Amino acid sequence: MFSAKSNFSHHVEYYKEEHHVLVTDGIYSLLRHPSYFGFYYWALGSQLMMMNPVCLIGFAAALHHFFSERIQYEEQLLTRFFGQDYRDYKARTSTGLLMIK
């Protein structure tokens, strides 16, 4: 959130505002969606720490479904907002999430 500053929002933005810029430095130079990465592994890690295999599998399935859909949708919008710059950025970074490009 710190690296993205005013470009970060918990809500998906459907329209590009004048102040929106494509953030590709800091943690964003390594991961396209660092907050999703953090939440994903925190949630799975909490179930590992509690040695709860049923919830671990359930969390993994639910999170994979949620983040797969959300990332796909967000990246369509980001491609529309930033065009080739976003496609280039996407090609050189990862989501860091298992089985989600």
PDB file of N, CA and C in Angstrom:
ATOM      1  N   MET A   1       0.831  -1.180   0.000  1.00  0.00           N
ATOM      2  CA  MET A   1       0.000   0.000   0.000  1.00  0.00           C
ATOM      3  C   MET A   1       0.884   1.255   0.000  1.00  0.00           C
ATOM      4  N   PHE A   2       2.018   1.156   0.702  1.00  0.00           N
ATOM      5  CA  PHE A   2       2.916   2.309   0.765  1.00  0.00           C
ATOM      6  C   PHE A   2       3.515   2.614  -0.601  1.00  0.00           C
ATOM      7  N   SER A   3       3.941   1.576  -1.314  1.00  0.00           N
ATOM      8  CA  SER A   3       4.558   1.790  -2.630  1.00  0.00           C
ATOM      9  C   SER A   3       3.578   2.365  -3.639  1.00  0.00           C
ATOM     10  N   ALA A   4       2.335   1.920  -3.587  1.00  0.00           N
ATOM     11  CA  ALA A   4       1.338   2.367  -4.572  1.00  0.00           C
ATOM     12  C   ALA A   4       0.732   3.723  -4.222  1.00  0.00           C
ATOM     13  N   LYS A   5       0.811   4.094  -2.953  1.00  0.00           N
ATOM     14  CA  LYS A   5       0.264   5.364  -2.463  1.00  0.00           C
ATOM     15  C   LYS A   5      -1.179   5.572  -2.909  1.00  0.00           C
ATOM     16  N   SER A   6      -1.475   6.673  -3.569  1.00  0.00           N
ATOM     17  CA  SER A   6      -2.871   6.990  -3.931  1.00  0.00           C
ATOM     18  C   SER A   6      -3.413   6.073  -5.030  1.00  0.00           C
ATOM     19  N   ASN A   7      -2.556   5.268  -5.638  1.00  0.00           N
ATOM     20  CA  ASN A   7      -3.012   4.345  -6.671  1.00  0.00           C
ATOM     21  C   ASN A   7      -3.578   3.058  -6.081  1.00  0.00           C
ATOM     22  N   PHE A   8      -3.418   2.862  -4.769  1.00  0.00           N
ATOM     23  CA  PHE A   8      -3.919   1.656  -4.113  1.00  0.00           C
ATOM     24  C   PHE A   8      -5.343   1.887  -3.626  1.00  0.00           C
ATOM     25  N   SER A   9      -6.175   0.880  -3.831  1.00  0.00           N
ATOM     26  CA  SER A   9      -7.542   0.925  -3.327  1.00  0.00           C
ATOM     27  C   SER A   9      -7.996  -0.501  -3.059  1.00  0.00           C
ATOM     28  N   HIS A  10      -8.841  -0.672  -2.065  1.00  0.00           N
ATOM     29  CA  HIS A  10      -9.419  -1.990  -1.812  1.00  0.00           C
ATOM     30  C   HIS A  10     -10.549  -2.283  -2.786  1.00  0.00           C
ATOM     31  N   HIS A  11     -10.975  -1.276  -3.502  1.00  0.00           N
ATOM     32  CA  HIS A  11     -12.054  -1.415  -4.473  1.00  0.00           C
ATOM     33  C   HIS A  11     -11.475  -1.419  -5.884  1.00  0.00           C
ATOM     34  N   VAL A  12     -12.034  -2.225  -6.743  1.00  0.00           N
ATOM     35  CA  VAL A  12     -11.593  -2.254  -8.139  1.00  0.00           C
ATOM     36  C   VAL A  12     -12.072  -0.965  -8.807  1.00  0.00           C
ATOM     37  N   GLU A  13     -11.155  -0.268  -9.413  1.00  0.00           N
ATOM     38  CA  GLU A  13     -11.481   0.980 -10.113  1.00  0.00           C
ATOM     39  C   GLU A  13     -11.855   0.647 -11.551  1.00  0.00           C
ATOM     40  N   TYR A  14     -13.008   1.091 -11.967  1.00  0.00           N
ATOM     41  CA  TYR A  14     -13.503   0.791 -13.311  1.00  0.00           C
ATOM     42  C   TYR A  14     -13.084   1.827 -14.342  1.00  0.00           C
ATOM     43  N   TYR A  15     -12.675   2.992 -13.852  1.00  0.00           N
ATOM     44  CA  TYR A  15     -12.272   4.086 -14.738  1.00  0.00           C
ATOM     45  C   TYR A  15     -10.926   4.614 -14.278  1.00  0.00           C
ATOM     46  N   LYS A  16     -10.093   4.927 -15.242  1.00  0.00           N
ATOM     47  CA  LYS A  16      -8.770   5.475 -14.930  1.00  0.00           C
ATOM     48  C   LYS A  16      -8.930   6.950 -14.602  1.00  0.00           C
ATOM     49  N   GLU A  17      -8.498   7.291 -13.406  1.00  0.00           N
ATOM     50  CA  GLU A  17      -8.507   8.686 -12.982  1.00  0.00           C
ATOM     51  C   GLU A  17      -7.254   9.373 -13.516  1.00  0.00           C
ATOM     52  N   GLU A  18      -7.297  10.677 -13.579  1.00  0.00           N
ATOM     53  CA  GLU A  18      -6.170  11.449 -14.107  1.00  0.00           C
ATOM     54  C   GLU A  18      -4.893  11.209 -13.313  1.00  0.00           C
ATOM     55  N   HIS A  19      -5.013  11.010 -12.001  1.00  0.00           N
ATOM     56  CA  HIS A  19      -3.836  10.828 -11.142  1.00  0.00           C
ATOM     57  C   HIS A  19      -3.304   9.393 -11.117  1.00  0.00           C
ATOM     58  N   HIS A  20      -4.007   8.446 -11.723  1.00  0.00           N
ATOM     59  CA  HIS A  20      -3.555   7.051 -11.712  1.00  0.00           C
ATOM     60  C   HIS A  20      -2.304   6.880 -12.563  1.00  0.00           C
ATOM     61  N   VAL A  21      -1.331   6.199 -11.987  1.00  0.00           N
ATOM     62  CA  VAL A  21      -0.106   5.847 -12.707  1.00  0.00           C
ATOM     63  C   VAL A  21       0.143   4.362 -12.493  1.00  0.00           C
ATOM     64  N   LEU A  22       0.863   3.756 -13.395  1.00  0.00           N
ATOM     65  CA  LEU A  22       1.239   2.347 -13.261  1.00  0.00           C
ATOM     66  C   LEU A  22       2.455   2.280 -12.339  1.00  0.00           C
ATOM     67  N   VAL A  23       2.287   1.690 -11.175  1.00  0.00           N
ATOM     68  CA  VAL A  23       3.370   1.579 -10.191  1.00  0.00           C
ATOM     69  C   VAL A  23       4.136   0.296 -10.468  1.00  0.00           C
ATOM     70  N   THR A  24       5.435   0.436 -10.750  1.00  0.00           N
ATOM     71  CA  THR A  24       6.269  -0.729 -11.078  1.00  0.00           C
ATOM     72  C   THR A  24       7.550  -0.760 -10.250  1.00  0.00           C
ATOM     73  N   ASP A  25       7.646   0.082  -9.224  1.00  0.00           N
ATOM     74  CA  ASP A  25       8.847   0.090  -8.397  1.00  0.00           C
ATOM     75  C   ASP A  25       8.530  -0.452  -7.011  1.00  0.00           C
ATOM     76  N   GLY A  26       9.543  -0.516  -6.158  1.00  0.00           N
ATOM     77  CA  GLY A  26       9.347  -1.075  -4.828  1.00  0.00           C
ATOM     78  C   GLY A  26       8.941  -2.537  -4.926  1.00  0.00           C
ATOM     79  N   ILE A  27       8.038  -2.959  -4.067  1.00  0.00           N
ATOM     80  CA  ILE A  27       7.568  -4.349  -4.065  1.00  0.00           C
ATOM     81  C   ILE A  27       6.902  -4.699  -5.390  1.00  0.00           C
ATOM     82  N   TYR A  28       6.346  -3.688  -6.083  1.00  0.00           N
ATOM     83  CA  TYR A  28       5.688  -3.934  -7.369  1.00  0.00           C
ATOM     84  C   TYR A  28       6.675  -4.296  -8.475  1.00  0.00           C
ATOM     85  N   SER A  29       7.957  -4.125  -8.238  1.00  0.00           N
ATOM     86  CA  SER A  29       8.941  -4.576  -9.231  1.00  0.00           C
ATOM     87  C   SER A  29       9.093  -6.096  -9.196  1.00  0.00           C
ATOM     88  N   LEU A  30       8.617  -6.709  -8.113  1.00  0.00           N
ATOM     89  CA  LEU A  30       8.694  -8.166  -7.972  1.00  0.00           C
ATOM     90  C   LEU A  30       7.344  -8.853  -8.139  1.00  0.00           C
ATOM     91  N   LEU A  31       6.294  -8.228  -7.628  1.00  0.00           N
ATOM     92  CA  LEU A  31       4.961  -8.833  -7.617  1.00  0.00           C
ATOM     93  C   LEU A  31       3.935  -7.842  -8.155  1.00  0.00           C
ATOM     94  N   ARG A  32       3.016  -8.323  -8.991  1.00  0.00           N
ATOM     95  CA  ARG A  32       1.965  -7.446  -9.514  1.00  0.00           C
ATOM     96  C   ARG A  32       0.891  -7.144  -8.475  1.00  0.00           C
ATOM     97  N   HIS A  33       0.649  -8.077  -7.577  1.00  0.00           N
ATOM     98  CA  HIS A  33      -0.433  -7.921  -6.592  1.00  0.00           C
ATOM     99  C   HIS A  33       0.089  -8.284  -5.195  1.00  0.00           C
ATOM    100  N   PRO A  34       0.970  -7.454  -4.626  1.00  0.00           N
ATOM    101  CA  PRO A  34       1.585  -7.833  -3.348  1.00  0.00           C
ATOM    102  C   PRO A  34       0.597  -7.970  -2.190  1.00  0.00           C
ATOM    103  N   SER A  35      -0.480  -7.205  -2.170  1.00  0.00           N
ATOM    104  CA  SER A  35      -1.433  -7.353  -1.062  1.00  0.00           C
ATOM    105  C   SER A  35      -2.177  -8.685  -1.171  1.00  0.00           C
ATOM    106  N   TYR A  36      -2.480  -9.126  -2.380  1.00  0.00           N
ATOM    107  CA  TYR A  36      -3.116 -10.435  -2.566  1.00  0.00           C
ATOM    108  C   TYR A  36      -2.143 -11.543  -2.162  1.00  0.00           C
ATOM    109  N   PHE A  37      -0.899 -11.389  -2.571  1.00  0.00           N
ATOM    110  CA  PHE A  37       0.145 -12.341  -2.212  1.00  0.00           C
ATOM    111  C   PHE A  37       0.227 -12.490  -0.690  1.00  0.00           C
ATOM    112  N   GLY A  38       0.284 -11.359   0.005  1.00  0.00           N
ATOM    113  CA  GLY A  38       0.394 -11.377   1.460  1.00  0.00           C
ATOM    114  C   GLY A  38      -0.801 -12.024   2.125  1.00  0.00           C
ATOM    115  N   PHE A  39      -2.004 -11.659   1.706  1.00  0.00           N
ATOM    116  CA  PHE A  39      -3.192 -12.227   2.323  1.00  0.00           C
ATOM    117  C   PHE A  39      -3.297 -13.723   2.043  1.00  0.00           C
ATOM    118  N   TYR A  40      -3.009 -14.114   0.814  1.00  0.00           N
ATOM    119  CA  TYR A  40      -3.089 -15.518   0.410  1.00  0.00           C
ATOM    120  C   TYR A  40      -2.213 -16.393   1.310  1.00  0.00           C
ATOM    121  N   TYR A  41      -0.950 -16.008   1.447  1.00  0.00           N
ATOM    122  CA  TYR A  41      -0.037 -16.838   2.217  1.00  0.00           C
ATOM    123  C   TYR A  41      -0.243 -16.694   3.717  1.00  0.00           C
ATOM    124  N   TRP A  42      -0.712 -15.551   4.190  1.00  0.00           N
ATOM    125  CA  TRP A  42      -1.061 -15.408   5.597  1.00  0.00           C
ATOM    126  C   TRP A  42      -2.209 -16.355   5.938  1.00  0.00           C
ATOM    127  N   ALA A  43      -3.251 -16.375   5.098  1.00  0.00           N
ATOM    128  CA  ALA A  43      -4.416 -17.225   5.357  1.00  0.00           C
ATOM    129  C   ALA A  43      -4.038 -18.701   5.352  1.00  0.00           C
ATOM    130  N   LEU A  44      -3.253 -19.110   4.368  1.00  0.00           N
ATOM    131  CA  LEU A  44      -2.823 -20.511   4.326  1.00  0.00           C
ATOM    132  C   LEU A  44      -1.888 -20.836   5.488  1.00  0.00           C
ATOM    133  N   GLY A  45      -0.996 -19.914   5.785  1.00  0.00           N
ATOM    134  CA  GLY A  45      -0.055 -20.125   6.889  1.00  0.00           C
ATOM    135  C   GLY A  45      -0.748 -20.237   8.232  1.00  0.00           C
ATOM    136  N   SER A  46      -1.813 -19.470   8.421  1.00  0.00           N
ATOM    137  CA  SER A  46      -2.543 -19.556   9.695  1.00  0.00           C
ATOM    138  C   SER A  46      -3.140 -20.950   9.878  1.00  0.00           C
ATOM    139  N   GLN A  47      -3.608 -21.551   8.806  1.00  0.00           N
ATOM    140  CA  GLN A  47      -4.177 -22.899   8.898  1.00  0.00           C
ATOM    141  C   GLN A  47      -3.085 -23.945   9.107  1.00  0.00           C
ATOM    142  N   LEU A  48      -1.924 -23.714   8.521  1.00  0.00           N
ATOM    143  CA  LEU A  48      -0.784 -24.610   8.768  1.00  0.00           C
ATOM    144  C   LEU A  48      -0.362 -24.547  10.230  1.00  0.00           C
ATOM    145  N   MET A  49      -0.293 -23.329  10.764  1.00  0.00           N
ATOM    146  CA  MET A  49       0.115 -23.158  12.162  1.00  0.00           C
ATOM    147  C   MET A  49      -0.873 -23.823  13.118  1.00  0.00           C
ATOM    148  N   MET A  50      -2.143 -23.821  12.760  1.00  0.00           N
ATOM    149  CA  MET A  50      -3.159 -24.441  13.607  1.00  0.00           C
ATOM    150  C   MET A  50      -3.311 -25.933  13.311  1.00  0.00           C
ATOM    151  N   MET A  51      -2.495 -26.415  12.367  1.00  0.00           N
ATOM    152  CA  MET A  51      -2.521 -27.826  11.968  1.00  0.00           C
ATOM    153  C   MET A  51      -3.944 -28.271  11.628  1.00  0.00           C
ATOM    154  N   ASN A  52      -4.570 -27.492  10.764  1.00  0.00           N
ATOM    155  CA  ASN A  52      -5.963 -27.720  10.401  1.00  0.00           C
ATOM    156  C   ASN A  52      -6.036 -28.074   8.913  1.00  0.00           C
ATOM    157  N   PRO A  53      -5.833 -29.330   8.554  1.00  0.00           N
ATOM    158  CA  PRO A  53      -5.764 -29.705   7.135  1.00  0.00           C
ATOM    159  C   PRO A  53      -7.066 -29.485   6.373  1.00  0.00           C
ATOM    160  N   VAL A  54      -8.202 -29.657   7.024  1.00  0.00           N
ATOM    161  CA  VAL A  54      -9.477 -29.456   6.336  1.00  0.00           C
ATOM    162  C   VAL A  54      -9.632 -27.991   5.927  1.00  0.00           C
ATOM    163  N   CYS A  55      -9.379 -27.082   6.873  1.00  0.00           N
ATOM    164  CA  CYS A  55      -9.498 -25.659   6.552  1.00  0.00           C
ATOM    165  C   CYS A  55      -8.390 -25.206   5.603  1.00  0.00           C
ATOM    166  N   LEU A  56      -7.216 -25.798   5.703  1.00  0.00           N
ATOM    167  CA  LEU A  56      -6.136 -25.466   4.772  1.00  0.00           C
ATOM    168  C   LEU A  56      -6.583 -25.736   3.344  1.00  0.00           C
ATOM    169  N   ILE A  57      -7.154 -26.890   3.119  1.00  0.00           N
ATOM    170  CA  ILE A  57      -7.635 -27.241   1.772  1.00  0.00           C
ATOM    171  C   ILE A  57      -8.792 -26.342   1.368  1.00  0.00           C
ATOM    172  N   GLY A  58      -9.713 -26.102   2.292  1.00  0.00           N
ATOM    173  CA  GLY A  58     -10.843 -25.218   2.003  1.00  0.00           C
ATOM    174  C   GLY A  58     -10.404 -23.798   1.706  1.00  0.00           C
ATOM    175  N   PHE A  59      -9.491 -23.253   2.526  1.00  0.00           N
ATOM    176  CA  PHE A  59      -8.975 -21.908   2.298  1.00  0.00           C
ATOM    177  C   PHE A  59      -8.268 -21.838   0.949  1.00  0.00           C
ATOM    178  N   ALA A  60      -7.439 -22.835   0.663  1.00  0.00           N
ATOM    179  CA  ALA A  60      -6.690 -22.834  -0.600  1.00  0.00           C
ATOM    180  C   ALA A  60      -7.647 -22.799  -1.788  1.00  0.00           C
ATOM    181  N   ALA A  61      -8.690 -23.599  -1.741  1.00  0.00           N
ATOM    182  CA  ALA A  61      -9.655 -23.632  -2.843  1.00  0.00           C
ATOM    183  C   ALA A  61     -10.411 -22.310  -2.961  1.00  0.00           C
ATOM    184  N   ALA A  62     -10.902 -21.802  -1.832  1.00  0.00           N
ATOM    185  CA  ALA A  62     -11.674 -20.560  -1.860  1.00  0.00           C
ATOM    186  C   ALA A  62     -10.814 -19.377  -2.295  1.00  0.00           C
ATOM    187  N   LEU A  63      -9.614 -19.284  -1.750  1.00  0.00           N
ATOM    188  CA  LEU A  63      -8.725 -18.177  -2.112  1.00  0.00           C
ATOM    189  C   LEU A  63      -8.299 -18.258  -3.571  1.00  0.00           C
ATOM    190  N   HIS A  64      -8.010 -19.463  -4.036  1.00  0.00           N
ATOM    191  CA  HIS A  64      -7.626 -19.616  -5.435  1.00  0.00           C
ATOM    192  C   HIS A  64      -8.754 -19.149  -6.345  1.00  0.00           C
ATOM    193  N   HIS A  65      -9.961 -19.545  -6.048  1.00  0.00           N
ATOM    194  CA  HIS A  65     -11.120 -19.131  -6.853  1.00  0.00           C
ATOM    195  C   HIS A  65     -11.292 -17.613  -6.813  1.00  0.00           C
ATOM    196  N   PHE A  66     -11.279 -17.038  -5.614  1.00  0.00           N
ATOM    197  CA  PHE A  66     -11.477 -15.596  -5.463  1.00  0.00           C
ATOM    198  C   PHE A  66     -10.394 -14.802  -6.195  1.00  0.00           C
ATOM    199  N   PHE A  67      -9.127 -15.111  -5.894  1.00  0.00           N
ATOM    200  CA  PHE A  67      -8.043 -14.329  -6.482  1.00  0.00           C
ATOM    201  C   PHE A  67      -7.891 -14.566  -7.979  1.00  0.00           C
ATOM    202  N   SER A  68      -8.159 -15.765  -8.457  1.00  0.00           N
ATOM    203  CA  SER A  68      -8.079 -16.012  -9.905  1.00  0.00           C
ATOM    204  C   SER A  68      -9.044 -15.101 -10.651  1.00  0.00           C
ATOM    205  N   GLU A  69     -10.282 -15.050 -10.184  1.00  0.00           N
ATOM    206  CA  GLU A  69     -11.281 -14.212 -10.851  1.00  0.00           C
ATOM    207  C   GLU A  69     -10.964 -12.731 -10.699  1.00  0.00           C
ATOM    208  N   ARG A  70     -10.607 -12.319  -9.492  1.00  0.00           N
ATOM    209  CA  ARG A  70     -10.353 -10.895  -9.253  1.00  0.00           C
ATOM    210  C   ARG A  70      -9.140 -10.407 -10.030  1.00  0.00           C
ATOM    211  N   ILE A  71      -8.065 -11.179 -10.026  1.00  0.00           N
ATOM    212  CA  ILE A  71      -6.857 -10.772 -10.739  1.00  0.00           C
ATOM    213  C   ILE A  71      -7.127 -10.703 -12.238  1.00  0.00           C
ATOM    214  N   GLN A  72      -7.824 -11.683 -12.777  1.00  0.00           N
ATOM    215  CA  GLN A  72      -8.136 -11.659 -14.205  1.00  0.00           C
ATOM    216  C   GLN A  72      -8.929 -10.400 -14.557  1.00  0.00           C
ATOM    217  N   TYR A  73      -9.921 -10.079 -13.757  1.00  0.00           N
ATOM    218  CA  TYR A  73     -10.745  -8.904 -14.013  1.00  0.00           C
ATOM    219  C   TYR A  73      -9.934  -7.611 -13.868  1.00  0.00           C
ATOM    220  N   GLU A  74      -9.167  -7.500 -12.787  1.00  0.00           N
ATOM    221  CA  GLU A  74      -8.349  -6.306 -12.576  1.00  0.00           C
ATOM    222  C   GLU A  74      -7.343  -6.121 -13.704  1.00  0.00           C
ATOM    223  N   GLU A  75      -6.740  -7.212 -14.151  1.00  0.00           N
ATOM    224  CA  GLU A  75      -5.722  -7.089 -15.186  1.00  0.00           C
ATOM    225  C   GLU A  75      -6.322  -6.714 -16.532  1.00  0.00           C
ATOM    226  N   GLN A  76      -7.557  -7.081 -16.790  1.00  0.00           N
ATOM    227  CA  GLN A  76      -8.239  -6.599 -17.995  1.00  0.00           C
ATOM    228  C   GLN A  76      -8.398  -5.083 -17.931  1.00  0.00           C
ATOM    229  N   LEU A  77      -8.794  -4.583 -16.767  1.00  0.00           N
ATOM    230  CA  LEU A  77      -8.949  -3.134 -16.605  1.00  0.00           C
ATOM    231  C   LEU A  77      -7.601  -2.425 -16.697  1.00  0.00           C
ATOM    232  N   LEU A  78      -6.577  -2.978 -16.048  1.00  0.00           N
ATOM    233  CA  LEU A  78      -5.259  -2.353 -16.085  1.00  0.00           C
ATOM    234  C   LEU A  78      -4.688  -2.334 -17.498  1.00  0.00           C
ATOM    235  N   THR A  79      -4.949  -3.368 -18.264  1.00  0.00           N
ATOM    236  CA  THR A  79      -4.520  -3.376 -19.665  1.00  0.00           C
ATOM    237  C   THR A  79      -5.257  -2.294 -20.441  1.00  0.00           C
ATOM    238  N   ARG A  80      -6.540  -2.135 -20.163  1.00  0.00           N
ATOM    239  CA  ARG A  80      -7.302  -1.063 -20.817  1.00  0.00           C
ATOM    240  C   ARG A  80      -6.772   0.313 -20.410  1.00  0.00           C
ATOM    241  N   PHE A  81      -6.408   0.482 -19.143  1.00  0.00           N
ATOM    242  CA  PHE A  81      -5.906   1.773 -18.645  1.00  0.00           C
ATOM    243  C   PHE A  81      -4.527   2.100 -19.191  1.00  0.00           C
ATOM    244  N   PHE A  82      -3.614   1.108 -19.176  1.00  0.00           N
ATOM    245  CA  PHE A  82      -2.198   1.380 -19.441  1.00  0.00           C
ATOM    246  C   PHE A  82      -1.647   0.711 -20.689  1.00  0.00           C
ATOM    247  N   GLY A  83      -2.451  -0.094 -21.381  1.00  0.00           N
ATOM    248  CA  GLY A  83      -2.061  -0.674 -22.660  1.00  0.00           C
ATOM    249  C   GLY A  83      -0.789  -1.491 -22.621  1.00  0.00           C
ATOM    250  N   GLN A  84       0.095  -1.218 -23.576  1.00  0.00           N
ATOM    251  CA  GLN A  84       1.330  -1.984 -23.730  1.00  0.00           C
ATOM    252  C   GLN A  84       2.226  -1.882 -22.504  1.00  0.00           C
ATOM    253  N   ASP A  85       2.202  -0.759 -21.807  1.00  0.00           N
ATOM    254  CA  ASP A  85       3.011  -0.638 -20.589  1.00  0.00           C
ATOM    255  C   ASP A  85       2.616  -1.708 -19.579  1.00  0.00           C
ATOM    256  N   TYR A  86       1.309  -1.962 -19.433  1.00  0.00           N
ATOM    257  CA  TYR A  86       0.889  -2.999 -18.486  1.00  0.00           C
ATOM    258  C   TYR A  86       1.218  -4.390 -19.005  1.00  0.00           C
ATOM    259  N   ARG A  87       1.046  -4.618 -20.290  1.00  0.00           N
ATOM    260  CA  ARG A  87       1.391  -5.930 -20.852  1.00  0.00           C
ATOM    261  C   ARG A  87       2.873  -6.234 -20.646  1.00  0.00           C
ATOM    262  N   ASP A  88       3.733  -5.237 -20.828  1.00  0.00           N
ATOM    263  CA  ASP A  88       5.173  -5.420 -20.601  1.00  0.00           C
ATOM    264  C   ASP A  88       5.457  -5.700 -19.126  1.00  0.00           C
ATOM    265  N   TYR A  89       4.816  -4.940 -18.246  1.00  0.00           N
ATOM    266  CA  TYR A  89       4.982  -5.129 -16.809  1.00  0.00           C
ATOM    267  C   TYR A  89       4.532  -6.528 -16.394  1.00  0.00           C
ATOM    268  N   LYS A  90       3.391  -6.953 -16.913  1.00  0.00           N
ATOM    269  CA  LYS A  90       2.856  -8.280 -16.603  1.00  0.00           C
ATOM    270  C   LYS A  90       3.815  -9.381 -17.062  1.00  0.00           C
ATOM    271  N   ALA A  91       4.463  -9.195 -18.195  1.00  0.00           N
ATOM    272  CA  ALA A  91       5.381 -10.196 -18.734  1.00  0.00           C
ATOM    273  C   ALA A  91       6.626 -10.362 -17.865  1.00  0.00           C
ATOM    274  N   ARG A  92       7.019  -9.332 -17.129  1.00  0.00           N
ATOM    275  CA  ARG A  92       8.253  -9.423 -16.346  1.00  0.00           C
ATOM    276  C   ARG A  92       8.021  -9.617 -14.842  1.00  0.00           C
ATOM    277  N   THR A  93       6.766  -9.713 -14.410  1.00  0.00           N
ATOM    278  CA  THR A  93       6.477  -9.928 -12.994  1.00  0.00           C
ATOM    279  C   THR A  93       5.533 -11.114 -12.815  1.00  0.00           C
ATOM    280  N   SER A  94       5.343 -11.487 -11.578  1.00  0.00           N
ATOM    281  CA  SER A  94       4.490 -12.619 -11.234  1.00  0.00           C
ATOM    282  C   SER A  94       3.471 -12.185 -10.195  1.00  0.00           C
ATOM    283  N   THR A  95       2.421 -12.957 -10.052  1.00  0.00           N
ATOM    284  CA  THR A  95       1.491 -12.715  -8.952  1.00  0.00           C
ATOM    285  C   THR A  95       2.059 -13.304  -7.664  1.00  0.00           C
ATOM    286  N   GLY A  96       2.921 -14.314  -7.791  1.00  0.00           N
ATOM    287  CA  GLY A  96       3.465 -14.984  -6.628  1.00  0.00           C
ATOM    288  C   GLY A  96       2.497 -15.976  -6.007  1.00  0.00           C
ATOM    289  N   LEU A  97       1.310 -16.098  -6.609  1.00  0.00           N
ATOM    290  CA  LEU A  97       0.299 -16.998  -6.078  1.00  0.00           C
ATOM    291  C   LEU A  97       0.366 -18.323  -6.828  1.00  0.00           C
ATOM    292  N   LEU A  98       0.207 -19.400  -6.095  1.00  0.00           N
ATOM    293  CA  LEU A  98       0.268 -20.720  -6.704  1.00  0.00           C
ATOM    294  C   LEU A  98      -0.748 -20.857  -7.831  1.00  0.00           C
ATOM    295  N   MET A  99      -0.281 -21.286  -8.980  1.00  0.00           N
ATOM    296  CA  MET A  99      -1.112 -21.587 -10.144  1.00  0.00           C
ATOM    297  C   MET A  99      -1.926 -20.400 -10.662  1.00  0.00           C
ATOM    298  N   ILE A 100      -1.562 -19.192 -10.291  1.00  0.00           N
ATOM    299  CA  ILE A 100      -2.209 -17.992 -10.840  1.00  0.00           C
ATOM    300  C   ILE A 100      -1.110 -17.183 -11.493  1.00  0.00           C
ATOM    301  N   LYS A 101      -1.157 -17.091 -12.809  1.00  0.00           N
ATOM    302  CA  LYS A 101      -0.094 -16.379 -13.532  1.00  0.00           C
ATOM    303  C   LYS A 101      -0.175 -14.949 -13.237  1.00  0.00           C
TER     304      LYS A 101
END
